N, C-alpha and C. Protein backbone atom coordinates (compact mmCIF):
# COMPACT_ATOMS: atom_id res chain seq x y z
N MET A 1 37.16 96.25 196.04
CA MET A 1 38.46 96.50 195.65
C MET A 1 38.37 96.28 193.74
N ARG A 2 38.01 95.12 193.40
CA ARG A 2 38.09 94.84 192.14
C ARG A 2 37.00 96.23 190.97
N THR A 3 35.93 96.59 191.86
CA THR A 3 34.85 97.27 191.51
C THR A 3 35.80 98.72 191.26
N ARG A 4 36.38 98.90 192.62
CA ARG A 4 36.84 100.67 192.45
C ARG A 4 37.82 100.61 191.18
N HIS A 5 38.89 99.44 191.34
CA HIS A 5 39.83 99.97 189.60
C HIS A 5 39.02 99.80 188.66
N LEU A 6 38.04 99.14 188.27
CA LEU A 6 37.63 99.12 187.06
C LEU A 6 36.57 100.45 187.12
N ALA A 7 36.05 101.37 188.26
CA ALA A 7 35.68 102.20 187.93
C ALA A 7 36.80 103.52 187.91
N LEU A 8 38.12 103.63 188.51
CA LEU A 8 38.84 104.32 188.15
C LEU A 8 39.70 104.32 186.63
N LEU A 9 39.68 103.20 186.37
CA LEU A 9 40.04 103.00 184.95
C LEU A 9 38.94 103.24 183.64
N LEU A 10 37.86 103.68 184.00
CA LEU A 10 36.88 103.86 183.06
C LEU A 10 36.12 104.87 183.81
N LEU A 11 36.56 105.87 184.39
CA LEU A 11 36.13 107.14 184.97
C LEU A 11 36.54 108.43 183.89
N PRO A 12 38.01 108.15 183.41
CA PRO A 12 38.40 109.11 182.17
C PRO A 12 37.48 109.01 180.90
N LEU A 13 37.22 107.84 180.68
CA LEU A 13 36.44 107.60 179.64
C LEU A 13 34.86 107.76 179.44
N PHE A 14 34.46 107.81 180.82
CA PHE A 14 32.93 108.37 181.02
C PHE A 14 33.19 110.15 181.23
N ALA A 15 33.89 110.54 181.74
CA ALA A 15 34.21 112.09 181.33
C ALA A 15 34.39 112.60 180.29
N ALA A 16 34.39 111.57 179.25
CA ALA A 16 34.92 112.15 178.10
C ALA A 16 33.54 112.11 177.42
N ALA A 17 32.84 111.30 177.56
CA ALA A 17 31.77 110.56 176.60
C ALA A 17 30.76 112.07 177.05
N VAL A 18 30.79 111.80 179.00
CA VAL A 18 29.58 113.04 179.19
C VAL A 18 29.58 114.44 178.74
N LEU A 19 31.18 115.12 179.49
CA LEU A 19 31.11 116.56 179.71
C LEU A 19 31.08 116.70 178.26
N PRO A 20 31.15 118.30 178.23
CA PRO A 20 30.95 118.86 176.55
C PRO A 20 32.61 119.24 176.34
N ARG A 21 32.86 118.67 175.28
CA ARG A 21 34.28 118.97 174.76
C ARG A 21 34.75 120.78 175.14
N THR A 22 34.24 121.45 175.43
CA THR A 22 34.49 122.79 176.02
C THR A 22 35.19 122.94 177.14
N ALA A 23 34.44 121.72 177.88
CA ALA A 23 34.78 121.78 179.52
C ALA A 23 36.31 121.22 179.73
N LEU A 24 36.27 120.09 178.61
CA LEU A 24 37.48 119.45 178.79
C LEU A 24 38.71 119.97 178.66
N ALA A 25 38.33 120.76 177.63
CA ALA A 25 39.68 121.77 176.93
C ALA A 25 39.63 122.50 178.28
N GLN A 26 39.03 123.38 178.65
CA GLN A 26 39.44 124.63 179.59
C GLN A 26 40.10 123.63 180.82
N THR A 27 39.89 122.40 181.06
CA THR A 27 40.56 121.75 182.46
C THR A 27 41.90 120.68 182.09
N THR A 28 41.91 120.83 180.98
CA THR A 28 43.14 119.97 179.74
C THR A 28 44.76 121.12 180.27
N PRO A 29 45.49 120.24 180.99
CA PRO A 29 46.94 120.81 181.17
C PRO A 29 47.55 121.50 179.90
N ALA A 30 47.51 120.37 178.32
CA ALA A 30 47.68 120.83 177.26
C ALA A 30 47.02 121.87 176.45
N ALA A 31 46.40 122.01 176.99
CA ALA A 31 45.19 123.20 176.83
C ALA A 31 45.74 124.84 177.06
N ALA A 32 46.36 124.75 178.39
CA ALA A 32 46.56 125.82 178.93
C ALA A 32 47.97 126.31 178.40
N GLY A 33 48.43 126.07 177.49
CA GLY A 33 49.22 126.99 176.59
C GLY A 33 50.59 126.37 177.17
N THR A 34 51.10 125.22 177.28
CA THR A 34 51.81 124.51 177.81
C THR A 34 52.71 123.80 176.48
N GLY A 35 52.06 124.22 175.56
CA GLY A 35 52.68 123.20 174.11
C GLY A 35 53.55 124.07 173.63
N ALA A 36 54.39 123.30 172.52
CA ALA A 36 55.77 124.23 171.89
C ALA A 36 55.20 125.58 171.38
N ARG A 37 56.42 126.47 171.46
CA ARG A 37 56.01 127.77 171.17
C ARG A 37 57.47 127.92 170.01
N GLU A 38 57.40 129.01 169.32
CA GLU A 38 58.34 129.11 168.24
C GLU A 38 59.67 130.30 168.70
N THR A 39 60.83 129.53 168.37
CA THR A 39 61.95 130.36 169.12
C THR A 39 62.29 131.37 168.78
N THR A 40 62.40 132.27 169.58
CA THR A 40 62.70 133.65 169.59
C THR A 40 64.36 134.07 168.61
N GLU A 41 64.31 135.06 167.79
CA GLU A 41 65.67 135.53 167.10
C GLU A 41 66.74 135.72 168.38
N GLN A 42 66.10 135.86 169.40
CA GLN A 42 67.04 136.07 170.75
C GLN A 42 68.04 135.00 171.01
N GLU A 43 66.81 133.85 171.62
CA GLU A 43 66.97 132.71 171.97
C GLU A 43 68.27 131.82 170.88
N ARG A 44 67.59 132.28 169.81
CA ARG A 44 68.29 131.78 167.96
C ARG A 44 69.77 132.04 168.42
N GLY A 45 69.82 133.55 168.55
CA GLY A 45 71.22 134.17 168.49
C GLY A 45 72.59 133.28 169.65
N ALA A 46 71.73 133.55 170.88
CA ALA A 46 72.19 132.68 171.94
C ALA A 46 72.93 131.13 171.65
N VAL A 47 71.81 130.34 171.49
CA VAL A 47 72.32 129.38 171.21
C VAL A 47 73.57 129.53 169.97
N LEU A 48 73.21 129.92 168.84
CA LEU A 48 74.32 129.67 168.07
C LEU A 48 75.56 130.24 168.24
N ALA A 49 75.64 131.50 168.97
CA ALA A 49 76.75 132.13 169.54
C ALA A 49 77.36 131.04 170.17
N ALA A 50 76.84 130.03 171.13
CA ALA A 50 77.51 129.19 171.71
C ALA A 50 78.40 128.10 170.54
N VAL A 51 77.52 127.42 169.99
CA VAL A 51 77.80 126.91 168.93
C VAL A 51 78.88 127.13 168.19
N HIS A 52 78.89 128.57 167.47
CA HIS A 52 79.63 128.99 167.02
C HIS A 52 81.09 129.49 167.29
N GLY A 53 80.74 129.72 168.77
CA GLY A 53 82.13 129.96 169.56
C GLY A 53 83.13 128.30 169.84
N PHE A 54 82.28 127.38 170.21
CA PHE A 54 83.15 126.00 169.78
C PHE A 54 83.94 125.86 168.60
N THR A 55 83.02 125.88 167.72
CA THR A 55 83.70 125.64 166.35
C THR A 55 84.81 126.63 166.18
N ASP A 56 84.67 128.04 166.46
CA ASP A 56 85.65 128.77 166.37
C ASP A 56 87.18 128.52 167.10
N ALA A 57 86.69 128.10 168.79
CA ALA A 57 88.10 127.31 169.22
C ALA A 57 88.41 126.46 168.77
N LEU A 58 87.70 125.71 167.86
CA LEU A 58 88.04 124.08 167.52
C LEU A 58 88.75 124.44 166.61
N ARG A 59 88.45 125.63 165.51
CA ARG A 59 89.63 125.92 164.30
C ARG A 59 90.73 126.44 164.75
N MET A 60 90.78 127.26 166.01
CA MET A 60 91.76 127.61 166.43
C MET A 60 93.02 126.82 167.38
N LYS A 61 92.56 125.73 167.36
CA LYS A 61 92.68 124.87 168.65
C LYS A 61 93.10 125.63 170.01
N ASP A 62 91.91 126.44 170.36
CA ASP A 62 91.96 127.23 171.17
C ASP A 62 91.28 126.54 172.90
N THR A 63 91.71 125.59 173.07
CA THR A 63 91.14 124.98 174.34
C THR A 63 90.87 125.43 175.47
N VAL A 64 91.19 126.80 175.72
CA VAL A 64 90.40 127.20 177.34
C VAL A 64 89.57 128.06 176.81
N ALA A 65 88.96 128.38 175.23
CA ALA A 65 87.78 128.72 174.89
C ALA A 65 87.05 127.22 174.58
N MET A 66 87.33 126.61 174.30
CA MET A 66 86.07 125.09 174.13
C MET A 66 86.27 124.94 175.14
N HIS A 67 86.85 124.52 176.34
CA HIS A 67 86.03 124.33 177.86
C HIS A 67 84.70 125.25 177.96
N GLN A 68 85.10 126.35 177.80
CA GLN A 68 83.87 127.53 178.33
C GLN A 68 82.76 126.89 177.94
N TYR A 69 82.57 126.33 176.52
CA TYR A 69 81.30 125.56 175.93
C TYR A 69 80.90 124.14 176.34
N VAL A 70 81.99 123.88 177.11
CA VAL A 70 81.20 122.11 177.49
C VAL A 70 81.61 122.06 179.10
N ASP A 71 80.85 120.97 179.56
CA ASP A 71 81.59 120.46 181.11
C ASP A 71 81.67 119.25 181.14
N SER A 72 81.60 118.51 182.68
CA SER A 72 81.56 117.34 182.82
C SER A 72 80.73 116.29 182.23
N LEU A 73 79.46 116.80 181.67
CA LEU A 73 78.72 115.91 181.14
C LEU A 73 78.28 115.76 179.71
N THR A 74 79.26 116.72 178.99
CA THR A 74 79.22 116.53 177.32
C THR A 74 80.00 115.52 177.07
N ARG A 75 79.42 114.97 175.90
CA ARG A 75 79.42 113.76 175.05
C ARG A 75 79.57 114.32 173.60
N ILE A 76 80.32 113.42 172.99
CA ILE A 76 81.02 113.80 171.24
C ILE A 76 80.79 112.66 170.57
N THR A 77 79.53 112.58 170.01
CA THR A 77 78.86 111.12 169.34
C THR A 77 79.49 111.02 167.87
N LEU A 78 80.44 110.51 167.74
CA LEU A 78 80.84 110.17 166.13
C LEU A 78 80.58 108.83 165.52
N LEU A 79 79.45 109.38 164.42
CA LEU A 79 79.16 107.90 163.77
C LEU A 79 80.35 108.28 162.26
N ARG A 80 81.40 106.79 162.49
CA ARG A 80 81.82 106.50 161.16
C ARG A 80 81.82 105.22 160.41
N PRO A 81 82.00 105.39 159.36
CA PRO A 81 82.05 103.83 158.62
C PRO A 81 83.14 103.43 158.93
N THR A 82 82.84 101.98 158.81
CA THR A 82 83.84 100.71 159.17
C THR A 82 84.08 100.13 157.37
N ARG A 83 84.77 99.92 157.10
CA ARG A 83 85.84 99.19 155.95
C ARG A 83 84.84 98.32 155.41
N GLU A 84 83.53 97.40 156.61
CA GLU A 84 82.88 96.42 156.05
C GLU A 84 81.49 96.90 155.79
N GLY A 85 81.50 98.63 155.52
CA GLY A 85 80.27 99.05 155.32
C GLY A 85 79.48 99.27 156.45
N ALA A 86 79.67 98.84 157.53
CA ALA A 86 78.58 99.11 158.90
C ALA A 86 79.10 100.52 159.27
N THR A 87 78.48 100.81 160.68
CA THR A 87 78.27 101.86 161.32
C THR A 87 79.56 102.07 162.29
N ARG A 88 80.41 102.64 162.65
CA ARG A 88 80.94 102.08 164.30
C ARG A 88 80.78 103.74 164.86
N VAL A 89 80.47 103.37 166.44
CA VAL A 89 79.71 104.88 167.11
C VAL A 89 80.91 104.94 168.00
N VAL A 90 81.32 105.98 168.12
CA VAL A 90 82.98 106.35 168.73
C VAL A 90 82.34 107.54 170.23
N VAL A 91 81.93 107.18 171.48
CA VAL A 91 81.65 108.02 172.31
C VAL A 91 82.92 108.61 173.05
N LEU A 92 83.05 110.53 172.68
CA LEU A 92 84.23 110.55 173.75
C LEU A 92 83.66 111.69 174.67
N THR A 93 83.83 111.99 175.88
CA THR A 93 83.98 112.80 176.85
C THR A 93 84.51 114.26 175.97
N GLY A 94 83.50 115.65 176.40
CA GLY A 94 84.04 116.69 176.02
C GLY A 94 85.83 116.79 175.91
N ALA A 95 86.21 116.34 177.06
CA ALA A 95 87.73 117.03 177.29
C ALA A 95 88.13 115.89 176.67
N GLU A 96 88.24 114.79 176.31
CA GLU A 96 88.85 113.74 175.61
C GLU A 96 88.84 114.25 173.91
N PHE A 97 87.47 114.58 173.76
CA PHE A 97 87.75 114.88 172.07
C PHE A 97 88.33 116.65 172.35
N ILE A 98 88.29 117.33 173.70
CA ILE A 98 88.92 118.32 173.18
C ILE A 98 91.03 117.82 172.91
N ARG A 99 91.14 117.33 173.69
CA ARG A 99 92.57 116.66 173.75
C ARG A 99 92.96 115.87 172.01
N VAL A 100 92.21 115.39 171.80
CA VAL A 100 92.19 114.62 170.53
C VAL A 100 92.20 115.42 169.46
N ALA A 101 91.40 116.65 169.35
CA ALA A 101 90.87 117.43 168.13
C ALA A 101 92.17 118.84 168.45
N THR A 102 93.21 118.99 169.75
CA THR A 102 93.61 120.04 169.51
C THR A 102 95.26 119.18 169.58
N ARG A 103 95.77 118.15 169.21
CA ARG A 103 96.81 117.41 169.43
C ARG A 103 97.92 117.95 168.62
N ALA A 104 99.22 118.81 168.82
CA ALA A 104 100.14 119.06 168.07
C ALA A 104 100.79 118.82 166.74
N ASP A 105 100.48 117.33 166.57
CA ASP A 105 100.99 116.69 165.39
C ASP A 105 99.67 116.81 164.48
N GLN A 106 98.61 117.89 164.35
CA GLN A 106 97.72 118.04 163.29
C GLN A 106 96.90 119.34 163.45
N PRO A 107 96.51 119.85 162.13
CA PRO A 107 96.01 121.15 162.12
C PRO A 107 94.87 121.17 162.91
N GLY A 108 94.57 122.81 162.91
CA GLY A 108 92.89 122.78 163.75
C GLY A 108 92.28 122.62 162.74
N ILE A 109 91.08 122.08 162.94
CA ILE A 109 89.69 121.55 162.52
C ILE A 109 88.83 122.60 162.35
N ASP A 110 88.67 122.90 160.77
CA ASP A 110 87.83 123.80 160.87
C ASP A 110 86.53 123.34 160.03
N GLU A 111 85.62 123.70 160.88
CA GLU A 111 84.22 123.09 160.56
C GLU A 111 83.15 124.13 160.41
N PRO A 112 83.28 124.80 159.36
CA PRO A 112 81.86 125.70 158.94
C PRO A 112 80.64 124.77 159.00
N LEU A 113 79.29 125.53 159.43
CA LEU A 113 78.23 124.96 159.34
C LEU A 113 77.58 125.86 158.42
N ARG A 114 76.12 125.29 158.21
CA ARG A 114 75.28 126.43 157.32
C ARG A 114 73.90 125.73 157.28
N ASN A 115 73.09 126.15 157.26
CA ASN A 115 71.88 126.16 157.33
C ASN A 115 71.10 125.26 158.65
N GLU A 116 71.40 125.99 159.73
CA GLU A 116 71.42 125.96 160.90
C GLU A 116 69.69 125.92 161.11
N VAL A 117 69.28 124.74 161.99
CA VAL A 117 67.94 124.88 162.44
C VAL A 117 68.13 124.91 163.84
N VAL A 118 67.21 125.62 164.75
CA VAL A 118 67.63 125.91 166.28
C VAL A 118 66.11 125.66 166.73
N HIS A 119 66.02 124.89 167.68
CA HIS A 119 64.77 124.86 168.68
C HIS A 119 65.41 125.00 170.05
N VAL A 120 64.46 126.13 170.60
CA VAL A 120 64.54 126.01 171.96
C VAL A 120 63.38 126.11 173.09
N SER A 121 63.64 125.27 174.08
CA SER A 121 62.84 124.92 174.94
C SER A 121 62.93 125.51 176.51
N GLY A 122 62.85 126.61 177.16
CA GLY A 122 63.24 126.58 178.12
C GLY A 122 65.28 126.57 178.31
N ASP A 123 65.28 125.74 179.14
CA ASP A 123 66.83 125.59 179.60
C ASP A 123 67.11 124.84 178.50
N LEU A 124 66.72 124.02 177.42
CA LEU A 124 67.33 122.87 176.13
C LEU A 124 67.13 123.23 174.97
N ALA A 125 67.92 123.20 174.08
CA ALA A 125 68.17 123.80 172.59
C ALA A 125 68.81 122.64 172.13
N MET A 126 68.19 122.29 170.84
CA MET A 126 69.05 121.84 169.85
C MET A 126 69.02 122.27 168.69
N VAL A 127 70.23 122.48 167.72
CA VAL A 127 70.84 122.73 166.52
C VAL A 127 70.81 121.70 165.86
N TRP A 128 70.48 121.75 164.72
CA TRP A 128 70.72 120.96 163.24
C TRP A 128 71.28 121.38 162.40
N ALA A 129 72.73 121.22 161.99
CA ALA A 129 73.57 121.95 160.81
C ALA A 129 74.27 121.02 160.04
N GLU A 130 74.74 121.18 158.26
CA GLU A 130 75.50 121.42 157.60
C GLU A 130 76.66 121.52 158.15
N TYR A 131 77.87 120.60 157.97
CA TYR A 131 78.97 120.58 158.28
C TYR A 131 79.92 120.40 157.25
N GLN A 132 80.98 121.07 157.13
CA GLN A 132 82.01 120.58 156.44
C GLN A 132 83.14 120.82 157.09
N VAL A 133 84.39 119.88 157.11
CA VAL A 133 85.51 120.05 157.83
C VAL A 133 86.43 119.80 156.76
N ARG A 134 87.31 121.12 156.83
CA ARG A 134 88.79 121.38 156.22
C ARG A 134 89.61 121.29 156.93
N ARG A 135 90.79 120.81 156.70
CA ARG A 135 91.98 120.52 157.06
C ARG A 135 93.36 121.28 156.52
N ASP A 136 94.29 122.28 156.72
CA ASP A 136 94.87 123.08 155.60
C ASP A 136 94.26 123.08 154.51
N GLY A 137 93.29 123.85 154.64
CA GLY A 137 92.36 124.13 153.68
C GLY A 137 91.43 122.98 152.77
N ALA A 138 91.77 122.18 152.61
CA ALA A 138 91.13 121.25 151.72
C ALA A 138 89.98 120.06 152.67
N VAL A 139 89.04 120.30 151.94
CA VAL A 139 87.68 119.49 152.37
C VAL A 139 87.74 118.07 152.64
N THR A 140 88.32 117.67 153.86
CA THR A 140 88.34 116.10 154.11
C THR A 140 86.76 115.30 154.10
N HIS A 141 85.98 116.33 154.72
CA HIS A 141 84.30 114.95 154.88
C HIS A 141 83.73 116.32 155.05
N CYS A 142 81.96 116.06 155.02
CA CYS A 142 81.04 116.57 155.51
C CYS A 142 80.16 115.99 156.39
N GLY A 143 78.72 116.34 156.64
CA GLY A 143 77.90 115.44 157.03
C GLY A 143 76.92 116.64 158.06
N TYR A 144 76.30 115.91 158.73
CA TYR A 144 75.54 116.74 159.86
C TYR A 144 75.70 116.57 161.06
N ASP A 145 75.60 117.68 161.82
CA ASP A 145 75.84 117.84 163.23
C ASP A 145 74.59 118.50 163.87
N ALA A 146 74.21 117.54 165.05
CA ALA A 146 73.41 117.62 165.97
C ALA A 146 74.11 118.02 166.79
N PHE A 147 73.20 119.39 167.41
CA PHE A 147 73.99 119.72 168.95
C PHE A 147 72.52 120.12 169.92
N HIS A 148 72.95 119.42 170.86
CA HIS A 148 72.55 119.24 172.00
C HIS A 148 72.47 120.40 172.98
N LEU A 149 72.14 121.49 173.51
CA LEU A 149 72.55 122.21 174.45
C LEU A 149 71.79 122.74 176.02
N ALA A 150 72.31 122.92 176.77
CA ALA A 150 71.50 123.38 178.26
C ALA A 150 72.05 124.62 178.75
N ARG A 151 71.25 125.40 179.17
CA ARG A 151 71.57 126.25 179.69
C ARG A 151 72.07 126.54 181.10
N ARG A 152 73.00 126.54 181.67
CA ARG A 152 73.95 125.81 182.89
C ARG A 152 74.22 127.26 183.24
N GLY A 153 74.07 127.48 184.41
CA GLY A 153 74.76 128.83 185.23
C GLY A 153 74.65 130.28 184.30
N GLY A 154 73.54 130.55 183.55
CA GLY A 154 73.37 131.32 182.71
C GLY A 154 73.38 131.32 181.79
N SER A 155 74.78 130.41 181.23
CA SER A 155 75.15 130.22 179.48
C SER A 155 75.28 129.06 178.87
N TRP A 156 74.75 128.98 177.80
CA TRP A 156 74.75 127.63 176.85
C TRP A 156 75.92 127.04 176.92
N LYS A 157 75.99 125.39 177.47
CA LYS A 157 77.03 124.66 177.48
C LYS A 157 76.32 123.10 176.40
N LEU A 158 77.73 122.78 175.69
CA LEU A 158 76.84 121.31 174.70
C LEU A 158 76.71 120.49 175.94
N LEU A 159 75.88 119.80 175.87
CA LEU A 159 75.92 118.57 176.35
C LEU A 159 75.82 117.37 175.34
N ASN A 160 75.73 117.52 174.05
CA ASN A 160 76.02 116.33 173.02
C ASN A 160 76.19 116.84 171.89
N VAL A 161 76.75 116.61 171.46
CA VAL A 161 77.18 116.75 169.67
C VAL A 161 77.20 115.63 168.92
N SER A 162 76.34 115.33 167.96
CA SER A 162 76.37 114.15 167.36
C SER A 162 76.96 114.22 166.10
N ASP A 163 77.25 113.80 165.18
CA ASP A 163 77.53 113.61 163.77
C ASP A 163 77.19 112.52 163.10
N THR A 164 76.98 113.18 161.62
CA THR A 164 77.29 111.85 160.28
C THR A 164 78.62 112.17 159.60
N TYR A 165 79.02 111.38 158.92
CA TYR A 165 80.09 111.65 158.32
C TYR A 165 79.81 110.83 156.93
N GLN A 166 80.58 111.76 155.71
CA GLN A 166 80.80 111.21 154.53
C GLN A 166 81.88 111.73 153.84
N GLN A 167 82.66 111.13 152.83
CA GLN A 167 84.01 111.55 152.20
C GLN A 167 83.41 112.26 150.52
N THR A 168 82.53 112.15 150.40
CA THR A 168 82.11 112.45 149.12
C THR A 168 81.01 113.24 148.77
N GLY A 169 80.97 113.92 147.44
CA GLY A 169 79.63 114.81 147.62
C GLY A 169 79.99 116.24 148.59
N CYS A 170 80.80 116.54 148.66
CA CYS A 170 81.04 117.21 150.26
C CYS A 170 81.16 118.90 149.11
N GLY A 171 81.47 118.94 147.87
CA GLY A 171 81.59 120.47 147.19
C GLY A 171 83.01 120.63 147.84
N PRO A 172 82.84 121.97 147.12
CA PRO A 172 84.13 122.96 147.38
C PRO A 172 84.22 123.33 148.59
N ALA A 173 85.15 123.89 149.31
CA ALA A 173 85.16 124.94 150.45
C ALA A 173 83.87 125.92 150.14
N TRP A 174 82.94 126.24 151.26
CA TRP A 174 82.06 127.15 151.39
C TRP A 174 82.48 128.26 151.91
N PRO A 175 81.90 129.18 151.68
CA PRO A 175 82.64 130.51 152.28
C PRO A 175 82.22 130.67 153.60
N ARG A 176 83.13 131.32 154.18
CA ARG A 176 82.82 131.88 155.61
C ARG A 176 81.85 132.74 155.90
């Protein structure tokens, strides 16, 4: 029994040493074209349409439109500084975030994005972008957003949105 286990452990090493490299490459699944590929402009456009649709709805406080881009799995993860200089992590469901962000006692959140980097692999997408938040036209903070989306039922839905937060160095309001 012990010899059999040892043989099973050593078999891949033996094969690598004995078989020619071309034979290994032909039988290795990773060489069969399953690696990363470049995101197409069509995929990029569809993913950004979902992200921008959500941020546009956020600005207009349109809860019906916002709910089109989230589902029961959506989480919003906010990294916020504490007075002590540490970082506090706040996690909200998509529904909780929508409820808080669209309260009647506060203005809509205008959050334009720029320098978006988009990666898509099958039904999973990721967007990394700079953001700037404005309330009543004044820049309140900025940072980076990380969006993870899944294609569900044929459309892109937000799975998670995480952001960084800084109140300085944001510059003047960006053009839309």
